[in-house]
């Protein structure tokens, strides 16, 4: 069985402890993941091509509308969603 692949929607900052903790947590449980910056994310792709979405902490986001669109699409389509 292929391991789940998670879209982490947020603006990654290596100096942000919550971002490095997110990396560590997802890696610890063996999930594949990819950070998708809010200024470049394609909301349709984020919910269609990943097994779940994690909306990362540390707002304000560079593009709040894109982050909210990912959340809306995930909820409407039944894609697993975690918001922190």
C-alpha atoms as a PDB file:
ATOM      1  CA  UNK A   1       0.000   0.000   0.000  1.00  0.00           C
ATOM      2  CA  UNK A   2       1.284   3.421  -0.931  1.00  0.00           C
ATOM      3  CA  UNK A   3       1.728   5.860   1.936  1.00  0.00           C
ATOM      4  CA  UNK A   4      -0.636   8.845   2.037  1.00  0.00           C
ATOM      5  CA  UNK A   5       0.650  12.105   0.620  1.00  0.00           C
ATOM      6  CA  UNK A   6      -0.430  15.287   2.390  1.00  0.00           C
ATOM      7  CA  UNK A   7      -0.568  18.860   1.056  1.00  0.00           C
ATOM      8  CA  UNK A   8       0.640  21.258   3.759  1.00  0.00           C
ATOM      9  CA  UNK A   9      -0.816  24.631   2.816  1.00  0.00           C
ATOM     10  CA  UNK A  10       1.109  27.504   4.333  1.00  0.00           C
ATOM     11  CA  UNK A  11       4.075  29.764   3.880  1.00  0.00           C
ATOM     12  CA  UNK A  12       6.993  27.691   5.166  1.00  0.00           C
ATOM     13  CA  UNK A  13       9.495  29.487   7.354  1.00  0.00           C
ATOM     14  CA  UNK A  14      12.332  27.310   8.708  1.00  0.00           C
ATOM     15  CA  UNK A  15      12.762  29.576  11.733  1.00  0.00           C
ATOM     16  CA  UNK A  16       9.132  28.994  12.744  1.00  0.00           C
ATOM     17  CA  UNK A  17       9.060  26.214  15.354  1.00  0.00           C
ATOM     18  CA  UNK A  18       5.536  25.153  14.410  1.00  0.00           C
ATOM     19  CA  UNK A  19       6.617  24.594  10.814  1.00  0.00           C
ATOM     20  CA  UNK A  20       9.608  22.454  11.743  1.00  0.00           C
ATOM     21  CA  UNK A  21       7.391  20.587  14.242  1.00  0.00           C
ATOM     22  CA  UNK A  22       4.866  19.939  11.458  1.00  0.00           C
ATOM     23  CA  UNK A  23       7.649  18.457   9.320  1.00  0.00           C
ATOM     24  CA  UNK A  24       8.814  16.296  12.218  1.00  0.00           C
ATOM     25  CA  UNK A  25       5.307  15.087  13.093  1.00  0.00           C
ATOM     26  CA  UNK A  26       4.383  14.105   9.544  1.00  0.00           C
ATOM     27  CA  UNK A  27       7.747  12.441   9.031  1.00  0.00           C
ATOM     28  CA  UNK A  28       7.459  10.594  12.345  1.00  0.00           C
ATOM     29  CA  UNK A  29       4.168   8.973  11.376  1.00  0.00           C
ATOM     30  CA  UNK A  30       5.513   8.104   7.936  1.00  0.00           C
ATOM     31  CA  UNK A  31       3.364  10.382   5.825  1.00  0.00           C
ATOM     32  CA  UNK A  32       4.640  11.876   2.606  1.00  0.00           C
ATOM     33  CA  UNK A  33       4.002  15.594   2.422  1.00  0.00           C
ATOM     34  CA  UNK A  34       4.658  18.692   0.372  1.00  0.00           C
ATOM     35  CA  UNK A  35       4.461  22.319   1.446  1.00  0.00           C
ATOM     36  CA  UNK A  36       2.347  24.450  -0.889  1.00  0.00           C
ATOM     37  CA  UNK A  37       2.819  28.197  -0.404  1.00  0.00           C
ATOM     38  CA  UNK A  38      -0.367  30.217  -0.320  1.00  0.00           C
ATOM     39  CA  UNK A  39       1.010  32.567  -2.971  1.00  0.00           C
ATOM     40  CA  UNK A  40       1.492  29.711  -5.460  1.00  0.00           C
ATOM     41  CA  UNK A  41      -1.010  27.013  -4.427  1.00  0.00           C
ATOM     42  CA  UNK A  42      -3.558  25.772  -6.938  1.00  0.00           C
ATOM     43  CA  UNK A  43      -6.528  24.970  -4.666  1.00  0.00           C
ATOM     44  CA  UNK A  44      -8.036  22.503  -7.156  1.00  0.00           C
ATOM     45  CA  UNK A  45      -4.748  20.572  -7.365  1.00  0.00           C
ATOM     46  CA  UNK A  46      -4.283  20.645  -3.592  1.00  0.00           C
ATOM     47  CA  UNK A  47      -7.544  18.791  -2.974  1.00  0.00           C
ATOM     48  CA  UNK A  48      -7.462  16.559  -6.067  1.00  0.00           C
ATOM     49  CA  UNK A  49      -3.884  15.281  -6.050  1.00  0.00           C
ATOM     50  CA  UNK A  50      -3.290  14.745  -2.332  1.00  0.00           C
ATOM     51  CA  UNK A  51      -4.830  12.340   0.163  1.00  0.00           C
ATOM     52  CA  UNK A  52      -5.415  15.088   2.690  1.00  0.00           C
ATOM     53  CA  UNK A  53      -4.714  18.727   3.476  1.00  0.00           C
ATOM     54  CA  UNK A  54      -3.032  20.257   6.511  1.00  0.00           C
ATOM     55  CA  UNK A  55      -3.472  24.031   6.768  1.00  0.00           C
ATOM     56  CA  UNK A  56      -0.329  25.111   8.577  1.00  0.00           C
ATOM     57  CA  UNK A  57      -0.172  27.602  11.429  1.00  0.00           C
ATOM     58  CA  UNK A  58       1.462  31.031  11.323  1.00  0.00           C
ATOM     59  CA  UNK A  59      -0.870  33.410   9.597  1.00  0.00           C
ATOM     60  CA  UNK A  60      -1.159  35.938   8.147  1.00  0.00           C
ATOM     61  CA  UNK A  61      -0.768  33.996   4.956  1.00  0.00           C
ATOM     62  CA  UNK A  62       0.649  35.642   1.858  1.00  0.00           C
ATOM     63  CA  UNK A  63      -2.649  34.777   0.139  1.00  0.00           C
ATOM     64  CA  UNK A  64      -5.458  34.240   2.638  1.00  0.00           C
ATOM     65  CA  UNK A  65      -8.048  33.832  -0.154  1.00  0.00           C
ATOM     66  CA  UNK A  66      -6.134  30.849  -1.593  1.00  0.00           C
ATOM     67  CA  UNK A  67      -5.870  29.211   1.841  1.00  0.00           C
ATOM     68  CA  UNK A  68      -9.606  29.661   2.408  1.00  0.00           C
ATOM     69  CA  UNK A  69     -10.378  28.270  -1.057  1.00  0.00           C
ATOM     70  CA  UNK A  70      -8.388  25.114  -0.280  1.00  0.00           C
ATOM     71  CA  UNK A  71     -10.352  24.726   2.962  1.00  0.00           C
ATOM     72  CA  UNK A  72     -13.699  25.238   1.196  1.00  0.00           C
ATOM     73  CA  UNK A  73     -12.911  22.749  -1.563  1.00  0.00           C
ATOM     74  CA  UNK A  74     -11.631  20.134   0.872  1.00  0.00           C
ATOM     75  CA  UNK A  75     -14.765  20.406   2.992  1.00  0.00           C
ATOM     76  CA  UNK A  76     -17.112  20.279   0.003  1.00  0.00           C
ATOM     77  CA  UNK A  77     -15.345  17.257  -1.507  1.00  0.00           C
ATOM     78  CA  UNK A  78     -14.818  15.270   1.676  1.00  0.00           C
ATOM     79  CA  UNK A  79     -11.019  15.502   1.577  1.00  0.00           C
ATOM     80  CA  UNK A  80      -9.489  14.981   5.040  1.00  0.00           C
ATOM     81  CA  UNK A  81      -8.528  18.386   6.430  1.00  0.00           C
ATOM     82  CA  UNK A  82      -6.594  19.504   9.482  1.00  0.00           C
ATOM     83  CA  UNK A  83      -6.277  23.179  10.361  1.00  0.00           C
ATOM     84  CA  UNK A  84      -3.867  24.337  13.028  1.00  0.00           C
END
